[in-house]
């Protein structure tokens, strides 16, 4: 995450949004790992974490598409 924050726009790849997606992912996963035994409903935070992963995949595919064309 630190590398993306430092070099997010290096080479014109526009990967600065990747930092936000990684922060959302970790921000949603950390409470689940810490509090899921005592508060099971906190497990619902896995949904936005999964959405952040899908966003990361979409950004990667978009980057691959820009390389080909």
C-alpha atoms as a PDB file:
ATOM      1  CA  UNK A   1       0.000   0.000   0.000  1.00  0.00           C
ATOM      2  CA  UNK A   2       2.846   2.376   0.801  1.00  0.00           C
ATOM      3  CA  UNK A   3       4.418   1.720  -2.595  1.00  0.00           C
ATOM      4  CA  UNK A   4       1.145   2.546  -4.355  1.00  0.00           C
ATOM      5  CA  UNK A   5       0.844   5.740  -2.304  1.00  0.00           C
ATOM      6  CA  UNK A   6       4.364   6.831  -3.205  1.00  0.00           C
ATOM      7  CA  UNK A   7       4.333   5.861  -6.879  1.00  0.00           C
ATOM      8  CA  UNK A   8       0.608   5.774  -7.619  1.00  0.00           C
ATOM      9  CA  UNK A   9       0.833   7.890 -10.756  1.00  0.00           C
ATOM     10  CA  UNK A  10       4.286   6.828 -11.944  1.00  0.00           C
ATOM     11  CA  UNK A  11       4.312   6.042 -15.634  1.00  0.00           C
ATOM     12  CA  UNK A  12       0.856   7.521 -16.101  1.00  0.00           C
ATOM     13  CA  UNK A  13      -0.920   4.383 -14.844  1.00  0.00           C
ATOM     14  CA  UNK A  14      -3.272   6.376 -12.557  1.00  0.00           C
ATOM     15  CA  UNK A  15      -3.116   3.842  -9.734  1.00  0.00           C
ATOM     16  CA  UNK A  16      -3.765   6.345  -6.944  1.00  0.00           C
ATOM     17  CA  UNK A  17      -7.258   4.853  -6.445  1.00  0.00           C
ATOM     18  CA  UNK A  18      -5.578   1.579  -5.527  1.00  0.00           C
ATOM     19  CA  UNK A  19      -4.560   3.090  -2.175  1.00  0.00           C
ATOM     20  CA  UNK A  20      -8.195   3.827  -1.348  1.00  0.00           C
ATOM     21  CA  UNK A  21      -9.256   0.307  -2.300  1.00  0.00           C
ATOM     22  CA  UNK A  22      -6.533  -1.247  -0.153  1.00  0.00           C
ATOM     23  CA  UNK A  23      -7.429   0.984   2.796  1.00  0.00           C
ATOM     24  CA  UNK A  24     -11.097   0.020   2.505  1.00  0.00           C
ATOM     25  CA  UNK A  25     -10.154  -3.636   2.334  1.00  0.00           C
ATOM     26  CA  UNK A  26      -7.938  -3.562   5.424  1.00  0.00           C
ATOM     27  CA  UNK A  27     -10.293  -1.211   7.249  1.00  0.00           C
ATOM     28  CA  UNK A  28     -13.155  -3.652   6.833  1.00  0.00           C
ATOM     29  CA  UNK A  29     -11.161  -6.805   7.514  1.00  0.00           C
ATOM     30  CA  UNK A  30      -9.418  -5.712  10.715  1.00  0.00           C
ATOM     31  CA  UNK A  31     -12.589  -5.358  12.838  1.00  0.00           C
ATOM     32  CA  UNK A  32     -13.790  -8.741  11.598  1.00  0.00           C
ATOM     33  CA  UNK A  33     -10.617 -10.461  12.729  1.00  0.00           C
ATOM     34  CA  UNK A  34     -10.623  -8.683  16.084  1.00  0.00           C
ATOM     35  CA  UNK A  35     -14.293  -8.772  17.088  1.00  0.00           C
ATOM     36  CA  UNK A  36     -15.994 -11.605  15.196  1.00  0.00           C
ATOM     37  CA  UNK A  37     -15.987 -13.946  18.229  1.00  0.00           C
ATOM     38  CA  UNK A  38     -17.794 -11.471  20.482  1.00  0.00           C
ATOM     39  CA  UNK A  39     -19.952  -9.681  17.893  1.00  0.00           C
ATOM     40  CA  UNK A  40     -20.802 -11.958  14.947  1.00  0.00           C
ATOM     41  CA  UNK A  41     -22.653  -9.214  13.011  1.00  0.00           C
ATOM     42  CA  UNK A  42     -19.342  -7.463  12.427  1.00  0.00           C
ATOM     43  CA  UNK A  43     -18.793 -10.212   9.845  1.00  0.00           C
ATOM     44  CA  UNK A  44     -21.000  -8.192   7.502  1.00  0.00           C
ATOM     45  CA  UNK A  45     -17.958  -5.999   6.899  1.00  0.00           C
ATOM     46  CA  UNK A  46     -16.668  -8.767   4.655  1.00  0.00           C
ATOM     47  CA  UNK A  47     -19.127  -7.539   1.984  1.00  0.00           C
ATOM     48  CA  UNK A  48     -17.475  -4.120   1.434  1.00  0.00           C
ATOM     49  CA  UNK A  49     -14.074  -5.828   1.705  1.00  0.00           C
ATOM     50  CA  UNK A  50     -15.055  -8.108  -1.156  1.00  0.00           C
ATOM     51  CA  UNK A  51     -16.331  -5.116  -3.140  1.00  0.00           C
ATOM     52  CA  UNK A  52     -12.959  -3.427  -2.628  1.00  0.00           C
ATOM     53  CA  UNK A  53     -11.264  -6.566  -3.993  1.00  0.00           C
ATOM     54  CA  UNK A  54     -13.529  -6.480  -7.030  1.00  0.00           C
ATOM     55  CA  UNK A  55     -12.631  -2.815  -7.519  1.00  0.00           C
ATOM     56  CA  UNK A  56      -8.931  -3.737  -7.404  1.00  0.00           C
ATOM     57  CA  UNK A  57      -9.518  -6.426 -10.046  1.00  0.00           C
ATOM     58  CA  UNK A  58     -11.442  -3.959 -12.220  1.00  0.00           C
ATOM     59  CA  UNK A  59      -8.602  -1.438 -11.990  1.00  0.00           C
ATOM     60  CA  UNK A  60      -6.121  -4.148 -12.956  1.00  0.00           C
ATOM     61  CA  UNK A  61      -8.186  -5.255 -15.919  1.00  0.00           C
ATOM     62  CA  UNK A  62      -8.587  -1.671 -17.044  1.00  0.00           C
ATOM     63  CA  UNK A  63      -4.824  -1.270 -16.865  1.00  0.00           C
ATOM     64  CA  UNK A  64      -4.318  -4.442 -18.911  1.00  0.00           C
ATOM     65  CA  UNK A  65      -6.800  -3.174 -21.497  1.00  0.00           C
ATOM     66  CA  UNK A  66      -4.893   0.084 -21.859  1.00  0.00           C
ATOM     67  CA  UNK A  67      -1.677  -1.849 -22.531  1.00  0.00           C
ATOM     68  CA  UNK A  68      -3.218  -3.802 -25.387  1.00  0.00           C
ATOM     69  CA  UNK A  69      -4.785  -0.923 -27.228  1.00  0.00           C
END
